[in-house]
Amino acid sequence: MGAETIRVTLSDDMRDIVEDAMSSGDFKSAEDVVSAALTQWQAERLLANFTPEELDALIQEGLDSGDPIDGEEAFRRIRAQFEREFGDKL
């Protein structure tokens, strides 16, 4: 995924927040601060679409689904199943 430069104008208070976050050592750049803020905002938007009961049910579904497996292992299993069903057409 490529990166694109977007210019934004921050209020003095917002600029101070970004600078404080960098000077504290929590972030290396203003880009990192903004990226973290957008990631948090996106997560909050996603979670806002679920009731606490729905989130509890999703968490329980994950717990009930068994032990986690490594992503590479998951793809190996999917590839093996595909090859069993369709032959080696990858």
Protein backbone atom coordinates (compact mmCIF):
# COMPACT_ATOMS: atom_id res chain seq x y z
CA MET A 1 0.00 0.00 0.00
CA GLY A 2 1.44 3.36 -1.00
CA ALA A 3 1.63 6.47 1.08
CA GLU A 4 0.20 9.85 0.17
CA THR A 5 1.03 13.15 1.77
CA ILE A 6 -1.99 14.94 3.20
CA ARG A 7 -1.62 18.37 4.74
CA VAL A 8 -3.76 19.23 7.75
CA THR A 9 -4.01 22.33 9.88
CA LEU A 10 -4.08 21.72 13.62
CA SER A 11 -5.23 24.05 16.32
CA ASP A 12 -2.53 25.17 18.72
CA ASP A 13 -3.90 22.72 21.33
CA MET A 14 -3.79 19.80 18.90
CA ARG A 15 -0.29 20.73 17.76
CA ASP A 16 0.82 20.81 21.41
CA ILE A 17 -0.66 17.32 21.94
CA VAL A 18 1.27 15.96 18.95
CA GLU A 19 4.49 17.63 20.08
CA ASP A 20 4.05 16.38 23.66
CA ALA A 21 3.49 12.84 22.39
CA MET A 22 6.74 13.01 20.44
CA SER A 23 8.79 14.70 23.18
CA SER A 24 7.62 12.10 25.71
CA GLY A 25 9.26 9.45 23.57
CA ASP A 26 5.99 7.62 22.99
CA PHE A 27 6.14 8.43 19.28
CA LYS A 28 9.01 9.09 16.89
CA SER A 29 7.10 11.36 14.50
CA ALA A 30 3.92 13.34 14.01
CA GLU A 31 2.96 10.72 11.43
CA ASP A 32 3.16 8.02 14.13
CA VAL A 33 0.94 10.08 16.44
CA VAL A 34 -1.68 10.64 13.75
CA SER A 35 -1.52 6.99 12.65
CA ALA A 36 -2.09 5.78 16.22
CA ALA A 37 -4.97 8.21 16.68
CA LEU A 38 -6.63 7.08 13.44
CA THR A 39 -6.15 3.41 14.31
CA GLN A 40 -7.77 3.98 17.71
CA TRP A 41 -10.61 5.95 16.14
CA GLN A 42 -11.22 3.18 13.60
CA ALA A 43 -11.26 0.52 16.34
CA GLU A 44 -13.73 2.54 18.38
CA ARG A 45 -15.99 2.92 15.35
CA LEU A 46 -15.87 -0.83 14.74
CA LEU A 47 -16.63 -1.66 18.35
CA ALA A 48 -19.44 0.91 18.48
CA ASN A 49 -21.41 -1.27 16.05
CA PHE A 50 -21.69 -4.04 18.65
CA THR A 51 -23.56 -4.23 21.90
CA PRO A 52 -21.63 -5.45 24.94
CA GLU A 53 -23.57 -8.71 24.69
CA GLU A 54 -22.57 -9.17 21.04
CA LEU A 55 -18.93 -8.49 21.89
CA ASP A 56 -19.11 -11.03 24.73
CA ALA A 57 -20.62 -13.58 22.33
CA LEU A 58 -17.89 -12.94 19.74
CA ILE A 59 -15.17 -13.28 22.36
CA GLN A 60 -16.71 -16.52 23.59
CA GLU A 61 -16.97 -17.82 20.01
CA GLY A 62 -13.26 -17.16 19.58
CA LEU A 63 -12.42 -18.90 22.84
CA ASP A 64 -14.62 -21.87 21.92
CA SER A 65 -13.04 -22.21 18.47
CA GLY A 66 -9.98 -23.93 19.88
CA ASP A 67 -6.34 -23.15 20.26
CA PRO A 68 -4.94 -20.51 17.93
CA ILE A 69 -2.64 -21.59 15.13
CA ASP A 70 0.10 -19.71 13.34
CA GLY A 71 -1.01 -17.87 10.19
CA GLU A 72 1.50 -19.75 8.02
CA GLU A 73 0.17 -23.03 9.40
CA ALA A 74 -3.40 -21.95 8.64
CA PHE A 75 -2.49 -21.17 5.02
CA ARG A 76 -0.61 -24.47 4.72
CA ARG A 77 -3.75 -26.33 5.83
CA ILE A 78 -5.98 -24.35 3.46
CA ARG A 79 -3.58 -24.98 0.56
CA ALA A 80 -3.46 -28.72 1.37
CA GLN A 81 -7.25 -28.91 1.51
CA PHE A 82 -7.51 -27.05 -1.80
CA GLU A 83 -5.02 -29.41 -3.42
CA ARG A 84 -6.92 -32.45 -2.10
CA GLU A 85 -10.19 -31.12 -3.52
CA PHE A 86 -8.99 -29.54 -6.77
CA GLY A 87 -5.55 -30.89 -7.47
CA ASP A 88 -2.37 -28.86 -7.72
CA LYS A 89 -3.78 -25.90 -9.67
CA LEU A 90 -2.10 -23.08 -7.75
